[in-house]
């Protein structure tokens, strides 16, 4: 049925359009995640830099504490702990930065895939829209054809009615002709009883 096909095409177009909107939102979200990941990576870089500077300062403090001798021993212990903490912070920052870098790469790959999916979905939406347009045109043509068939049926009905009337008239004419033939035969019989012989008329 052309109307059902048109409705299905319209529904498919609507669903595909909604799918395209969802994909567009996913693309936007992936881009935001990508930007956030890069910002986190930058922040980790700053933390790594601070840890590096802290390590240098702790190393210098340990050298100065060693020069101070017995009086700087306690400070040297603190400086050593600070240096150890700075080194662990730097190592953790590097690990986090590596993880963030991997995440950024994956997010970029995912973003590309989603963009490709978005392009494909756009093509699908356009294709479904074209199909819906074609089906609507077919539906319109089918409706016009149906109206034309209805008009032809009406003409055929009128022609049938006229044919039936003509048949009735032919039957009436045939009956009239038969009646006239009978009357003619009767007239011939009546005339046959009369003979003309000169000026004399006999029955």
N, C-alpha and C. Protein backbone atom coordinates (compact mmCIF):
# COMPACT_ATOMS: atom_id res chain seq x y z
N UNK A 1 0.84 -1.18 0.00
CA UNK A 1 0.00 0.00 0.00
C UNK A 1 0.88 1.24 0.00
N UNK A 2 0.60 2.15 -0.93
CA UNK A 2 1.45 3.33 -1.08
C UNK A 2 1.40 4.22 0.15
N UNK A 3 0.21 4.35 0.76
CA UNK A 3 0.10 5.20 1.96
C UNK A 3 0.91 4.63 3.11
N UNK A 4 0.86 3.31 3.30
CA UNK A 4 1.66 2.68 4.36
C UNK A 4 3.15 2.88 4.10
N UNK A 5 3.57 2.73 2.85
CA UNK A 5 4.97 2.94 2.51
C UNK A 5 5.38 4.38 2.79
N UNK A 6 4.49 5.32 2.48
CA UNK A 6 4.79 6.72 2.74
C UNK A 6 4.93 6.98 4.24
N UNK A 7 4.01 6.40 5.03
CA UNK A 7 4.08 6.56 6.49
C UNK A 7 5.37 5.96 7.05
N UNK A 8 5.73 4.76 6.55
CA UNK A 8 6.96 4.11 7.02
C UNK A 8 8.18 4.93 6.65
N UNK A 9 8.21 5.47 5.45
CA UNK A 9 9.35 6.29 5.02
C UNK A 9 9.45 7.54 5.87
N UNK A 10 8.31 8.16 6.16
CA UNK A 10 8.31 9.35 7.00
C UNK A 10 8.81 9.03 8.40
N UNK A 11 8.34 7.90 8.95
CA UNK A 11 8.79 7.48 10.28
C UNK A 11 10.28 7.19 10.29
N UNK A 12 10.76 6.50 9.25
CA UNK A 12 12.19 6.19 9.16
C UNK A 12 13.01 7.47 9.05
N UNK A 13 12.49 8.45 8.31
CA UNK A 13 13.20 9.73 8.18
C UNK A 13 13.30 10.43 9.53
N UNK A 14 12.20 10.38 10.31
CA UNK A 14 12.21 11.01 11.63
C UNK A 14 13.20 10.33 12.56
N UNK A 15 13.19 8.98 12.55
CA UNK A 15 14.12 8.22 13.41
C UNK A 15 15.56 8.50 13.01
N UNK A 16 15.83 8.50 11.71
CA UNK A 16 17.19 8.76 11.23
C UNK A 16 17.64 10.17 11.61
N UNK A 17 16.71 11.12 11.53
CA UNK A 17 17.04 12.49 11.90
C UNK A 17 17.39 12.59 13.39
N UNK A 18 16.59 11.87 14.23
CA UNK A 18 16.89 11.86 15.66
C UNK A 18 18.25 11.21 15.91
N UNK A 19 18.53 10.12 15.17
CA UNK A 19 19.83 9.47 15.30
C UNK A 19 20.96 10.40 14.93
N UNK A 20 20.74 11.20 13.88
CA UNK A 20 21.76 12.19 13.49
C UNK A 20 21.99 13.21 14.58
N UNK A 21 20.91 13.66 15.23
CA UNK A 21 21.05 14.63 16.33
C UNK A 21 21.84 14.02 17.49
N UNK A 22 21.54 12.75 17.81
CA UNK A 22 22.25 12.08 18.91
C UNK A 22 23.74 11.96 18.59
N UNK A 23 24.05 11.57 17.36
CA UNK A 23 25.46 11.44 16.96
C UNK A 23 26.15 12.80 17.05
N UNK A 24 25.46 13.86 16.64
CA UNK A 24 26.05 15.19 16.72
C UNK A 24 26.35 15.56 18.18
N UNK A 25 25.43 15.21 19.09
CA UNK A 25 25.67 15.47 20.51
C UNK A 25 26.86 14.66 21.02
N UNK A 26 26.96 13.40 20.57
CA UNK A 26 28.10 12.57 20.99
C UNK A 26 29.41 13.17 20.48
N UNK A 27 29.41 13.64 19.24
CA UNK A 27 30.61 14.28 18.69
C UNK A 27 31.01 15.48 19.54
N UNK A 28 30.02 16.31 19.89
CA UNK A 28 30.30 17.49 20.71
C UNK A 28 30.85 17.08 22.07
N UNK A 29 30.24 16.05 22.69
CA UNK A 29 30.71 15.58 24.00
C UNK A 29 32.14 15.05 23.91
N UNK A 30 32.44 14.28 22.87
CA UNK A 30 33.78 13.73 22.69
C UNK A 30 34.81 14.86 22.52
N UNK A 31 34.42 15.90 21.81
CA UNK A 31 35.32 17.04 21.63
C UNK A 31 35.59 17.72 22.98
N UNK A 32 34.54 17.85 23.79
CA UNK A 32 34.72 18.45 25.12
C UNK A 32 35.62 17.59 25.99
N UNK A 33 35.42 16.26 25.93
CA UNK A 33 36.29 15.35 26.69
C UNK A 33 37.73 15.48 26.23
N UNK A 34 37.90 15.59 24.92
CA UNK A 34 39.24 15.73 24.36
C UNK A 34 39.91 17.00 24.88
N UNK A 35 39.16 18.10 24.88
CA UNK A 35 39.71 19.36 25.38
C UNK A 35 40.03 19.26 26.88
N UNK A 36 39.13 18.64 27.64
CA UNK A 36 39.37 18.49 29.08
C UNK A 36 40.59 17.62 29.34
N UNK A 37 40.76 16.56 28.56
CA UNK A 37 41.92 15.68 28.73
C UNK A 37 43.21 16.44 28.47
N UNK A 38 43.19 17.28 27.45
CA UNK A 38 44.39 18.07 27.14
C UNK A 38 44.70 19.06 28.27
N UNK A 39 43.64 19.65 28.85
CA UNK A 39 43.86 20.57 29.97
C UNK A 39 44.45 19.82 31.17
N UNK A 40 43.91 18.62 31.44
CA UNK A 40 44.45 17.82 32.54
C UNK A 40 45.91 17.49 32.29
N UNK A 41 46.23 17.16 31.04
CA UNK A 41 47.61 16.85 30.68
C UNK A 41 48.51 18.06 30.93
N UNK A 42 48.00 19.24 30.60
CA UNK A 42 48.77 20.47 30.85
C UNK A 42 48.98 20.68 32.36
N UNK A 43 47.93 20.44 33.14
CA UNK A 43 48.03 20.60 34.60
C UNK A 43 49.05 19.61 35.17
N UNK A 44 49.02 18.38 34.68
CA UNK A 44 49.99 17.37 35.13
C UNK A 44 51.41 17.82 34.79
N UNK A 45 51.55 18.46 33.63
CA UNK A 45 52.86 18.99 33.26
C UNK A 45 53.34 20.04 34.26
N UNK A 46 52.41 20.90 34.70
CA UNK A 46 52.76 21.91 35.70
C UNK A 46 53.17 21.24 37.01
N UNK A 47 52.38 20.22 37.43
CA UNK A 47 52.72 19.49 38.67
C UNK A 47 54.09 18.84 38.55
N UNK A 48 54.38 18.27 37.40
CA UNK A 48 55.68 17.65 37.16
C UNK A 48 56.80 18.68 37.28
N UNK A 49 56.54 19.86 36.73
CA UNK A 49 57.54 20.94 36.83
C UNK A 49 57.76 21.39 38.27
N UNK A 50 56.66 21.50 39.03
CA UNK A 50 56.77 21.90 40.43
C UNK A 50 57.54 20.84 41.23
N UNK A 51 57.25 19.57 40.96
CA UNK A 51 57.94 18.48 41.65
C UNK A 51 59.44 18.51 41.33
N UNK A 52 59.75 18.81 40.07
CA UNK A 52 61.16 18.90 39.67
C UNK A 52 61.87 20.03 40.42
N UNK A 53 61.22 21.19 40.48
CA UNK A 53 61.80 22.32 41.19
C UNK A 53 61.92 22.02 42.69
N UNK A 54 60.89 21.36 43.25
CA UNK A 54 60.93 21.00 44.67
C UNK A 54 62.08 20.04 44.95
N UNK A 55 62.31 19.11 44.04
CA UNK A 55 63.41 18.16 44.18
C UNK A 55 64.75 18.89 44.20
N UNK A 56 64.91 19.87 43.32
CA UNK A 56 66.16 20.65 43.28
C UNK A 56 66.35 21.44 44.57
N UNK A 57 65.25 22.07 45.03
CA UNK A 57 65.33 22.85 46.27
C UNK A 57 65.67 21.94 47.45
N UNK A 58 65.04 20.75 47.50
CA UNK A 58 65.32 19.81 48.59
C UNK A 58 66.77 19.34 48.53
N UNK A 59 67.28 19.14 47.32
CA UNK A 59 68.68 18.73 47.16
C UNK A 59 69.62 19.83 47.65
N UNK A 60 69.33 21.06 47.29
CA UNK A 60 70.15 22.20 47.76
C UNK A 60 70.07 22.33 49.28
N UNK A 61 68.85 22.10 49.81
CA UNK A 61 68.69 22.19 51.27
C UNK A 61 69.50 21.10 51.96
N UNK A 62 69.53 19.90 51.37
CA UNK A 62 70.31 18.81 51.95
C UNK A 62 71.80 19.14 51.94
N UNK A 63 72.26 19.77 50.86
CA UNK A 63 73.68 20.17 50.76
C UNK A 63 74.01 21.20 51.84
N UNK A 64 73.12 22.18 51.99
CA UNK A 64 73.36 23.21 53.00
C UNK A 64 73.31 22.61 54.41
N UNK A 65 72.39 21.64 54.61
CA UNK A 65 72.30 20.99 55.93
C UNK A 65 73.57 20.20 56.22
N UNK A 66 74.12 19.58 55.19
CA UNK A 66 75.37 18.83 55.38
C UNK A 66 76.51 19.77 55.74
N UNK A 67 76.52 20.94 55.16
CA UNK A 67 77.57 21.92 55.49
C UNK A 67 77.42 22.41 56.93
N UNK A 68 76.16 22.44 57.38
CA UNK A 68 75.93 22.94 58.74
C UNK A 68 76.37 21.93 59.80
N UNK A 69 76.66 20.72 59.35
CA UNK A 69 77.16 19.73 60.30
C UNK A 69 76.07 19.18 61.20
N UNK A 70 76.43 19.04 62.50
CA UNK A 70 75.52 18.43 63.47
C UNK A 70 74.24 19.25 63.61
N UNK A 71 74.37 20.56 63.49
CA UNK A 71 73.20 21.42 63.68
C UNK A 71 72.20 21.28 62.52
N UNK A 72 72.67 20.91 61.38
CA UNK A 72 71.77 20.79 60.22
C UNK A 72 71.28 19.38 59.96
N UNK A 73 71.62 18.45 60.87
CA UNK A 73 71.24 17.06 60.62
C UNK A 73 69.71 16.89 60.55
N UNK A 74 68.98 17.47 61.49
CA UNK A 74 67.52 17.36 61.49
C UNK A 74 66.92 17.95 60.23
N UNK A 75 67.47 19.09 59.83
CA UNK A 75 66.98 19.73 58.61
C UNK A 75 67.29 18.87 57.39
N UNK A 76 68.42 18.19 57.43
CA UNK A 76 68.80 17.32 56.31
C UNK A 76 67.82 16.17 56.17
N UNK A 77 67.37 15.64 57.33
CA UNK A 77 66.37 14.56 57.28
C UNK A 77 65.09 15.05 56.63
N UNK A 78 64.64 16.24 57.04
CA UNK A 78 63.42 16.82 56.46
C UNK A 78 63.60 17.06 54.97
N UNK A 79 64.76 17.61 54.61
CA UNK A 79 65.03 17.88 53.20
C UNK A 79 65.04 16.59 52.39
N UNK A 80 65.57 15.53 52.98
CA UNK A 80 65.58 14.23 52.29
C UNK A 80 64.17 13.71 52.06
N UNK A 81 63.32 13.87 53.08
CA UNK A 81 61.93 13.43 52.95
C UNK A 81 61.20 14.25 51.88
N UNK A 82 61.47 15.56 51.90
CA UNK A 82 60.85 16.43 50.89
C UNK A 82 61.30 16.03 49.50
N UNK A 83 62.61 15.75 49.37
CA UNK A 83 63.15 15.35 48.07
C UNK A 83 62.53 14.03 47.62
N UNK A 84 62.40 13.08 48.55
CA UNK A 84 61.79 11.79 48.22
C UNK A 84 60.34 11.98 47.79
N UNK A 85 59.62 12.84 48.52
CA UNK A 85 58.22 13.12 48.17
C UNK A 85 58.13 13.78 46.80
N UNK A 86 59.05 14.71 46.53
CA UNK A 86 59.05 15.39 45.24
C UNK A 86 59.31 14.40 44.11
N UNK A 87 60.23 13.47 44.34
CA UNK A 87 60.52 12.47 43.32
C UNK A 87 59.32 11.56 43.05
N UNK A 88 58.65 11.15 44.16
CA UNK A 88 57.46 10.31 43.98
C UNK A 88 56.35 11.09 43.27
N UNK A 89 56.22 12.37 43.61
CA UNK A 89 55.21 13.21 42.95
C UNK A 89 55.51 13.33 41.46
N UNK A 90 56.81 13.53 41.15
CA UNK A 90 57.19 13.65 39.74
C UNK A 90 56.92 12.35 38.99
N UNK A 91 57.25 11.22 39.64
CA UNK A 91 57.01 9.93 38.99
C UNK A 91 55.51 9.68 38.78
N UNK A 92 54.72 10.00 39.82
CA UNK A 92 53.27 9.83 39.70
C UNK A 92 52.71 10.75 38.61
N UNK A 93 53.24 11.98 38.56
CA UNK A 93 52.79 12.93 37.54
C UNK A 93 53.10 12.41 36.15
N UNK A 94 54.30 11.83 35.98
CA UNK A 94 54.66 11.28 34.67
C UNK A 94 53.74 10.12 34.28
N UNK A 95 53.43 9.26 35.28
CA UNK A 95 52.54 8.13 35.00
C UNK A 95 51.14 8.63 34.61
N UNK A 96 50.66 9.61 35.39
CA UNK A 96 49.33 10.17 35.08
C UNK A 96 49.34 10.83 33.71
N UNK A 97 50.44 11.54 33.41
CA UNK A 97 50.55 12.20 32.12
C UNK A 97 50.53 11.19 30.99
N UNK A 98 51.22 10.04 31.21
CA UNK A 98 51.22 8.98 30.19
C UNK A 98 49.81 8.42 30.00
N UNK A 99 49.11 8.20 31.14
CA UNK A 99 47.74 7.69 31.05
C UNK A 99 46.83 8.68 30.35
N UNK A 100 46.97 9.96 30.73
CA UNK A 100 46.16 11.00 30.09
C UNK A 100 46.47 11.05 28.60
N UNK A 101 47.77 10.93 28.26
CA UNK A 101 48.15 10.94 26.84
C UNK A 101 47.48 9.81 26.08
N UNK A 102 47.48 8.62 26.70
CA UNK A 102 46.80 7.48 26.07
C UNK A 102 45.31 7.74 25.93
N UNK A 103 44.72 8.32 27.00
CA UNK A 103 43.29 8.64 26.96
C UNK A 103 42.99 9.66 25.87
N UNK A 104 43.88 10.66 25.75
CA UNK A 104 43.68 11.68 24.72
C UNK A 104 43.72 11.04 23.33
N UNK A 105 44.68 10.14 23.13
CA UNK A 105 44.77 9.45 21.83
C UNK A 105 43.49 8.66 21.54
N UNK A 106 43.01 7.95 22.59
CA UNK A 106 41.80 7.16 22.40
C UNK A 106 40.59 8.06 22.16
N UNK A 107 40.55 9.18 22.89
CA UNK A 107 39.43 10.11 22.70
C UNK A 107 39.47 10.68 21.29
N UNK A 108 40.66 11.02 20.81
CA UNK A 108 40.78 11.56 19.45
C UNK A 108 40.34 10.52 18.42
N UNK A 109 40.75 9.26 18.66
CA UNK A 109 40.32 8.18 17.76
C UNK A 109 38.81 8.01 17.81
N UNK A 110 38.27 8.03 19.05
CA UNK A 110 36.82 7.92 19.20
C UNK A 110 36.09 9.08 18.55
N UNK A 111 36.66 10.28 18.70
CA UNK A 111 36.04 11.46 18.09
C UNK A 111 36.00 11.32 16.57
N UNK A 112 37.09 10.82 16.01
CA UNK A 112 37.13 10.62 14.55
C UNK A 112 36.08 9.60 14.11
N UNK A 113 35.99 8.49 14.87
CA UNK A 113 34.99 7.48 14.53
C UNK A 113 33.57 8.04 14.64
N UNK A 114 33.33 8.82 15.69
CA UNK A 114 32.00 9.40 15.87
C UNK A 114 31.70 10.40 14.77
N UNK A 115 32.72 11.19 14.38
CA UNK A 115 32.52 12.14 13.27
C UNK A 115 32.19 11.39 11.98
N UNK A 116 32.92 10.29 11.76
CA UNK A 116 32.63 9.47 10.58
C UNK A 116 31.20 8.91 10.65
N UNK A 117 30.83 8.45 11.86
CA UNK A 117 29.47 7.94 12.04
C UNK A 117 28.44 9.04 11.81
N UNK A 118 28.79 10.26 12.26
CA UNK A 118 27.90 11.40 12.03
C UNK A 118 27.72 11.68 10.55
N UNK A 119 28.83 11.62 9.81
CA UNK A 119 28.75 11.84 8.36
C UNK A 119 27.89 10.76 7.70
N UNK A 120 28.11 9.51 8.13
CA UNK A 120 27.31 8.41 7.58
C UNK A 120 25.84 8.59 7.92
N UNK A 121 25.56 8.99 9.17
CA UNK A 121 24.18 9.19 9.59
C UNK A 121 23.53 10.32 8.78
N UNK A 122 24.31 11.37 8.51
CA UNK A 122 23.80 12.47 7.69
C UNK A 122 23.42 11.97 6.30
N UNK A 123 24.29 11.14 5.72
CA UNK A 123 24.00 10.57 4.41
C UNK A 123 22.74 9.71 4.46
N UNK A 124 22.61 8.94 5.56
CA UNK A 124 21.42 8.09 5.72
C UNK A 124 20.16 8.95 5.80
N UNK A 125 20.25 10.03 6.60
CA UNK A 125 19.09 10.93 6.75
C UNK A 125 18.70 11.50 5.40
N UNK A 126 19.71 11.95 4.63
CA UNK A 126 19.43 12.52 3.31
C UNK A 126 18.83 11.47 2.37
N UNK A 127 19.38 10.24 2.43
CA UNK A 127 18.86 9.17 1.57
C UNK A 127 17.42 8.82 1.93
N UNK A 128 17.15 8.71 3.24
CA UNK A 128 15.79 8.39 3.69
C UNK A 128 14.83 9.51 3.30
N UNK A 129 15.30 10.76 3.40
CA UNK A 129 14.46 11.89 3.01
C UNK A 129 14.13 11.82 1.52
N UNK A 130 15.15 11.47 0.71
CA UNK A 130 14.90 11.34 -0.73
C UNK A 130 13.90 10.21 -1.01
N UNK A 131 14.08 9.08 -0.30
CA UNK A 131 13.14 7.96 -0.48
C UNK A 131 11.73 8.38 -0.08
N UNK A 132 11.62 9.11 1.04
CA UNK A 132 10.31 9.58 1.50
C UNK A 132 9.67 10.48 0.45
N UNK A 133 10.49 11.36 -0.16
CA UNK A 133 9.97 12.25 -1.20
C UNK A 133 9.46 11.45 -2.40
N UNK A 134 10.27 10.46 -2.82
CA UNK A 134 9.88 9.63 -3.96
C UNK A 134 8.58 8.87 -3.65
N UNK A 135 8.50 8.31 -2.43
CA UNK A 135 7.30 7.55 -2.07
C UNK A 135 6.08 8.46 -2.00
N UNK A 136 6.27 9.70 -1.51
CA UNK A 136 5.16 10.65 -1.49
C UNK A 136 4.70 10.95 -2.92
N UNK A 137 5.67 11.10 -3.83
CA UNK A 137 5.30 11.33 -5.23
C UNK A 137 4.55 10.13 -5.79
N UNK A 138 5.02 8.92 -5.45
CA UNK A 138 4.33 7.71 -5.90
C UNK A 138 2.91 7.65 -5.32
N UNK A 139 2.79 8.03 -4.03
CA UNK A 139 1.48 8.04 -3.38
C UNK A 139 0.53 9.00 -4.08
N UNK A 140 1.06 10.20 -4.39
CA UNK A 140 0.24 11.20 -5.09
C UNK A 140 -0.18 10.68 -6.46
N UNK A 141 0.78 10.08 -7.19
CA UNK A 141 0.47 9.53 -8.51
C UNK A 141 -0.56 8.41 -8.41
N UNK A 142 -0.41 7.56 -7.37
CA UNK A 142 -1.36 6.46 -7.18
C UNK A 142 -2.76 6.99 -6.88
N UNK A 143 -2.82 8.08 -6.08
CA UNK A 143 -4.12 8.68 -5.77
C UNK A 143 -4.76 9.24 -7.04
N UNK A 144 -3.94 9.92 -7.86
CA UNK A 144 -4.46 10.46 -9.12
C UNK A 144 -4.92 9.32 -10.04
N UNK A 145 -4.12 8.25 -10.08
CA UNK A 145 -4.49 7.10 -10.89
C UNK A 145 -5.80 6.49 -10.40
N UNK A 146 -5.94 6.43 -9.06
CA UNK A 146 -7.17 5.88 -8.48
C UNK A 146 -8.37 6.73 -8.87
N UNK A 147 -8.17 8.07 -8.83
CA UNK A 147 -9.27 8.96 -9.24
C UNK A 147 -9.60 8.74 -10.72
N UNK A 148 -8.53 8.58 -11.54
CA UNK A 148 -8.75 8.34 -12.96
C UNK A 148 -9.51 7.04 -13.21
N UNK A 149 -9.14 5.99 -12.45
CA UNK A 149 -9.84 4.72 -12.58
C UNK A 149 -11.30 4.87 -12.16
N UNK A 150 -11.52 5.66 -11.10
CA UNK A 150 -12.90 5.91 -10.67
C UNK A 150 -13.71 6.59 -11.75
N UNK A 151 -13.08 7.58 -12.43
CA UNK A 151 -13.77 8.27 -13.51
C UNK A 151 -14.06 7.31 -14.67
N UNK A 152 -13.06 6.45 -15.00
CA UNK A 152 -13.27 5.46 -16.06
C UNK A 152 -14.40 4.51 -15.69
N UNK A 153 -14.42 4.08 -14.42
CA UNK A 153 -15.50 3.19 -13.97
C UNK A 153 -16.85 3.87 -14.11
N UNK A 154 -16.88 5.18 -13.79
CA UNK A 154 -18.12 5.92 -13.95
C UNK A 154 -18.55 5.97 -15.41
N UNK A 155 -17.59 6.24 -16.29
CA UNK A 155 -17.90 6.27 -17.73
C UNK A 155 -18.38 4.90 -18.21
N UNK A 156 -17.71 3.84 -17.74
CA UNK A 156 -18.12 2.48 -18.13
C UNK A 156 -19.53 2.19 -17.65
N UNK A 157 -19.83 2.64 -16.42
CA UNK A 157 -21.18 2.42 -15.88
C UNK A 157 -22.21 3.14 -16.74
N UNK A 158 -21.90 4.39 -17.13
CA UNK A 158 -22.82 5.14 -17.99
C UNK A 158 -22.99 4.44 -19.34
N UNK A 159 -21.85 3.96 -19.88
CA UNK A 159 -21.91 3.26 -21.16
C UNK A 159 -22.75 1.99 -21.05
N UNK A 160 -22.60 1.27 -19.93
CA UNK A 160 -23.38 0.05 -19.72
C UNK A 160 -24.87 0.37 -19.63
N UNK A 161 -25.14 1.49 -18.92
CA UNK A 161 -26.55 1.89 -18.79
C UNK A 161 -27.14 2.25 -20.15
N UNK A 162 -26.36 2.99 -20.95
CA UNK A 162 -26.82 3.36 -22.29
C UNK A 162 -27.01 2.11 -23.15
N UNK A 163 -26.07 1.15 -23.02
CA UNK A 163 -26.18 -0.09 -23.80
C UNK A 163 -27.44 -0.85 -23.43
N UNK A 164 -27.73 -0.88 -22.12
CA UNK A 164 -28.95 -1.56 -21.68
C UNK A 164 -30.20 -0.87 -22.24
N UNK A 165 -30.16 0.49 -22.23
CA UNK A 165 -31.30 1.23 -22.78
C UNK A 165 -31.45 0.95 -24.27
N UNK A 166 -30.32 0.94 -24.98
CA UNK A 166 -30.36 0.66 -26.41
C UNK A 166 -30.90 -0.75 -26.67
N UNK A 167 -30.46 -1.71 -25.83
CA UNK A 167 -30.96 -3.07 -25.98
C UNK A 167 -32.47 -3.13 -25.79
N UNK A 168 -32.95 -2.35 -24.80
CA UNK A 168 -34.39 -2.31 -24.57
C UNK A 168 -35.12 -1.71 -25.77
N UNK A 169 -34.52 -0.64 -26.33
CA UNK A 169 -35.12 -0.01 -27.51
C UNK A 169 -35.11 -0.97 -28.70
N UNK A 170 -34.01 -1.73 -28.83
CA UNK A 170 -33.94 -2.71 -29.92
C UNK A 170 -35.02 -3.77 -29.76
N UNK A 171 -35.22 -4.22 -28.51
CA UNK A 171 -36.27 -5.20 -28.26
C UNK A 171 -37.64 -4.63 -28.61
N UNK A 172 -37.85 -3.35 -28.21
CA UNK A 172 -39.12 -2.71 -28.53
C UNK A 172 -39.30 -2.59 -30.05
N UNK A 173 -38.20 -2.21 -30.72
CA UNK A 173 -38.28 -2.08 -32.18
C UNK A 173 -38.55 -3.42 -32.83
N UNK A 174 -37.90 -4.48 -32.31
CA UNK A 174 -38.12 -5.82 -32.85
C UNK A 174 -39.57 -6.25 -32.64
N UNK A 175 -40.10 -5.94 -31.44
CA UNK A 175 -41.50 -6.28 -31.17
C UNK A 175 -42.43 -5.53 -32.10
N UNK A 176 -42.11 -4.23 -32.30
CA UNK A 176 -42.94 -3.43 -33.21
C UNK A 176 -42.87 -3.97 -34.63
N UNK A 177 -41.66 -4.37 -35.04
CA UNK A 177 -41.50 -4.92 -36.39
C UNK A 177 -42.28 -6.21 -36.54
N UNK A 178 -42.22 -7.06 -35.49
CA UNK A 178 -42.98 -8.31 -35.53
C UNK A 178 -44.47 -8.04 -35.63
N UNK A 179 -44.92 -7.02 -34.87
CA UNK A 179 -46.34 -6.67 -34.90
C UNK A 179 -46.74 -6.15 -36.28
N UNK A 180 -45.85 -5.32 -36.85
CA UNK A 180 -46.13 -4.79 -38.18
C UNK A 180 -46.15 -5.92 -39.21
N UNK A 181 -45.28 -6.91 -39.04
CA UNK A 181 -45.25 -8.04 -39.97
C UNK A 181 -46.55 -8.82 -39.89
N UNK A 182 -47.02 -9.04 -38.65
CA UNK A 182 -48.29 -9.75 -38.48
C UNK A 182 -49.43 -8.96 -39.14
N UNK A 183 -49.45 -7.64 -38.89
CA UNK A 183 -50.49 -6.81 -39.48
C UNK A 183 -50.42 -6.84 -41.00
N UNK A 184 -49.16 -6.85 -41.52
CA UNK A 184 -48.99 -6.88 -42.98
C UNK A 184 -49.51 -8.18 -43.56
N UNK A 185 -49.21 -9.30 -42.84
CA UNK A 185 -49.71 -10.59 -43.29
C UNK A 185 -51.24 -10.61 -43.26
N UNK A 186 -51.83 -10.04 -42.22
CA UNK A 186 -53.30 -9.97 -42.13
C UNK A 186 -53.88 -9.14 -43.26
N UNK A 187 -53.17 -8.03 -43.58
CA UNK A 187 -53.62 -7.15 -44.65
C UNK A 187 -53.55 -7.88 -45.99
N UNK A 188 -52.47 -8.64 -46.19
CA UNK A 188 -52.33 -9.40 -47.43
C UNK A 188 -53.45 -10.43 -47.56
N UNK A 189 -53.77 -11.06 -46.46
CA UNK A 189 -54.86 -12.05 -46.48
C UNK A 189 -56.18 -11.39 -46.84
N UNK A 190 -56.40 -10.21 -46.25
CA UNK A 190 -57.65 -9.48 -46.52
C UNK A 190 -57.72 -9.05 -47.97
N UNK A 191 -56.61 -8.58 -48.49
CA UNK A 191 -56.58 -8.12 -49.88
C UNK A 191 -56.77 -9.30 -50.83
N UNK A 192 -56.24 -10.46 -50.45
CA UNK A 192 -56.33 -11.64 -51.31
C UNK A 192 -57.76 -12.10 -51.51
N UNK A 193 -58.65 -11.77 -50.61
CA UNK A 193 -60.05 -12.19 -50.75
C UNK A 193 -60.79 -11.36 -51.79
N UNK A 194 -60.20 -10.26 -52.18
CA UNK A 194 -60.83 -9.41 -53.19
C UNK A 194 -60.13 -9.59 -54.51
N UNK A 195 -60.91 -9.73 -55.60
CA UNK A 195 -60.36 -9.79 -56.95
C UNK A 195 -61.11 -8.80 -57.81
N UNK A 196 -60.42 -8.15 -58.63
CA UNK A 196 -61.03 -7.18 -59.54
C UNK A 196 -61.14 -7.83 -60.93
N UNK A 197 -62.32 -7.87 -61.51
CA UNK A 197 -62.52 -8.44 -62.85
C UNK A 197 -63.27 -7.41 -63.69
N UNK A 198 -62.53 -6.64 -64.40
CA UNK A 198 -63.15 -5.56 -65.16
C UNK A 198 -63.68 -4.53 -64.22
N UNK A 199 -64.98 -4.15 -64.44
CA UNK A 199 -65.62 -3.18 -63.55
C UNK A 199 -66.35 -3.88 -62.44
N UNK A 200 -66.28 -5.27 -62.41
CA UNK A 200 -67.05 -6.01 -61.44
C UNK A 200 -66.22 -6.33 -60.23
N UNK A 201 -66.79 -6.11 -59.03
CA UNK A 201 -66.10 -6.39 -57.76
C UNK A 201 -66.79 -7.57 -57.12
N UNK A 202 -66.03 -8.63 -56.85
CA UNK A 202 -66.63 -9.80 -56.23
C UNK A 202 -65.91 -10.06 -54.92
N UNK A 203 -66.64 -10.72 -54.00
CA UNK A 203 -66.06 -11.08 -52.71
C UNK A 203 -65.58 -12.49 -52.80
